[in-house]
Protein backbone atom coordinates (compact mmCIF):
# COMPACT_ATOMS: atom_id res chain seq x y z
CA SER A 1 65.32 118.32 67.27
CA TYR A 2 64.32 117.74 63.35
CA ALA A 3 64.26 119.70 60.17
CA VAL A 4 62.30 119.64 57.33
CA GLU A 5 64.39 120.54 54.23
CA LYS A 6 61.60 123.16 52.54
CA PHE A 7 61.56 125.32 56.12
CA ILE A 8 65.73 125.04 56.46
CA GLY A 9 67.82 127.93 55.40
CA LYS A 10 69.22 129.18 52.46
CA TYR A 11 72.68 128.59 53.26
CA GLU A 12 72.08 125.00 55.02
CA VAL A 13 71.32 122.07 53.45
CA ILE A 14 70.39 118.06 54.70
CA TYR A 15 73.67 116.29 54.42
CA PRO A 16 73.35 112.85 54.45
CA LYS A 17 70.14 112.84 52.65
CA GLY A 18 68.09 109.81 51.73
CA PRO A 19 65.00 107.90 52.20
CA GLU A 20 67.75 105.81 55.12
CA HIS A 21 67.85 108.63 57.21
CA VAL A 22 64.34 110.23 56.86
CA VAL A 23 62.58 109.71 60.18
CA GLY A 24 59.13 110.18 59.22
CA THR A 25 57.06 112.88 57.45
CA ILE A 26 55.26 115.36 57.38
CA ILE A 27 51.75 116.71 55.54
CA SER A 28 51.40 119.92 54.47
CA LYS A 29 48.73 121.38 52.18
CA GLY A 30 48.14 118.41 50.99
CA ARG A 31 51.89 117.37 50.15
CA ALA A 32 54.04 115.09 52.44
CA TYR A 33 57.66 116.04 53.25
CA PRO A 34 60.31 113.91 54.46
CA VAL A 35 61.49 115.00 58.05
CA TYR A 36 65.81 114.54 58.87
CA ARG A 37 67.17 114.61 62.44
CA ARG A 38 68.38 118.13 62.72
CA SER A 39 72.13 116.81 63.29
CA HIS A 40 72.02 116.47 59.14
CA VAL A 41 71.59 120.12 58.75
CA ARG A 42 74.71 121.08 57.08
CA ILE A 43 75.83 124.90 57.39
CA LEU A 44 77.38 126.01 53.49
CA HIS A 45 79.73 128.27 52.93
CA SER A 46 81.06 130.10 49.13
CA ARG A 47 84.61 129.25 48.99
CA ASP A 48 86.08 132.41 50.26
CA ARG A 49 84.18 132.05 53.96
CA TRP A 50 86.04 128.68 53.78
CA ILE A 51 88.89 130.39 53.30
CA ARG A 52 88.65 132.76 56.11
CA GLU A 53 87.49 129.51 58.28
CA MET A 54 91.49 128.04 57.32
CA ARG A 55 89.78 125.42 54.69
CA GLU A 56 89.98 125.62 51.46
CA VAL A 57 87.42 123.68 48.87
CA LYS A 58 88.91 119.89 47.84
CA LEU A 59 90.22 120.26 43.96
CA GLY A 60 86.99 119.35 41.96
CA ALA A 61 84.58 119.57 44.12
CA ILE A 62 81.14 120.03 43.12
CA PRO A 63 78.92 122.44 44.83
CA ILE A 64 76.23 121.43 46.76
CA LYS A 65 73.61 124.64 46.39
CA SER A 66 74.31 127.87 44.04
CA VAL A 67 71.99 130.96 45.40
CA ALA A 68 71.82 134.36 44.01
CA LYS A 69 74.42 137.09 45.72
CA ARG A 70 72.47 139.75 47.48
CA LYS A 71 71.46 143.27 45.61
CA SER A 72 74.20 146.26 46.75
CA SER A 73 72.81 148.79 48.79
CA ARG A 74 74.83 151.44 47.23
CA LYS A 75 72.83 153.36 44.23
CA ARG A 76 76.13 154.53 42.25
CA LYS A 77 77.67 151.43 40.79
CA SER A 78 81.64 151.59 40.53
CA VAL A 79 82.97 152.12 36.66
CA THR A 80 84.43 148.43 37.20
CA GLN A 81 80.97 147.16 37.70
CA VAL A 82 79.48 149.00 34.79
CA THR A 83 82.24 148.00 32.12
CA GLU A 84 81.86 144.48 33.24
CA ASN A 85 78.55 143.84 32.15
CA TYR A 86 78.90 146.29 28.80
CA ASN A 87 78.70 144.14 25.80
CA LEU A 88 81.38 145.78 22.93
CA GLU A 89 79.37 144.13 20.35
CA SER A 90 75.97 144.81 20.81
CA GLY A 91 76.75 147.74 22.40
CA GLY A 92 74.34 147.70 25.47
CA MET A 93 74.05 146.01 29.20
CA GLU A 94 73.77 142.56 29.54
CA LYS A 95 72.92 140.29 32.66
CA SER A 96 75.53 137.62 33.25
CA SER A 97 74.29 134.67 34.62
CA ASP A 98 77.79 133.42 36.28
CA ASN A 99 78.33 136.71 38.17
CA ASP A 100 74.99 136.27 39.35
CA LYS A 101 75.59 133.30 41.56
CA ILE A 102 77.91 132.16 44.50
CA ASP A 103 78.72 128.54 44.66
CA LEU A 104 78.20 127.06 47.64
CA PHE A 105 80.19 123.59 48.96
CA GLY A 106 79.83 122.10 53.00
CA LYS A 107 82.70 120.74 55.41
CA TRP A 108 82.99 117.47 54.07
CA GLN A 109 84.04 119.23 50.15
CA THR A 110 87.03 121.09 52.28
CA VAL A 111 90.30 120.45 53.50
CA ALA A 112 92.46 122.45 56.44
CA TRP A 113 94.43 124.86 54.48
CA LYS A 114 98.02 123.94 55.20
CA ILE A 115 100.45 127.22 55.44
CA PRO A 116 103.58 126.66 53.22
CA LYS A 117 106.41 126.90 54.46
CA VAL A 118 109.01 129.40 54.13
CA SER A 119 111.87 129.07 52.09
CA GLU A 120 115.54 129.87 52.76
CA GLN A 121 115.00 133.39 50.96
CA GLY A 122 112.06 133.84 52.81
CA LYS A 123 109.91 133.52 49.82
CA ILE A 124 106.53 131.33 49.97
């Protein structure tokens, strides 16, 4: 089966990508899109999600994609959420661009998590 980059999901990416991996093109609304093998579509996860999968992101790895965080369904914000967005200098609320994005990484950017050895005193 095949995939077009325009139609893949939010947490997916085509890897490896390049002209040597294109198997054809598709024309939609007067524009040509490259077609790749479906086996080149990779799933992306955040750092936290990779930890749950017993993997950790390699040191110095650059995120493949950044996506917007999902909005909270709660109507009330906690006190910490409100105080994090409050700017003391201007006395008002600000949108923080760093906190609004989640960096995503592919499996090729991770390594298997190694369990730390326990010392004789029982400390990690």
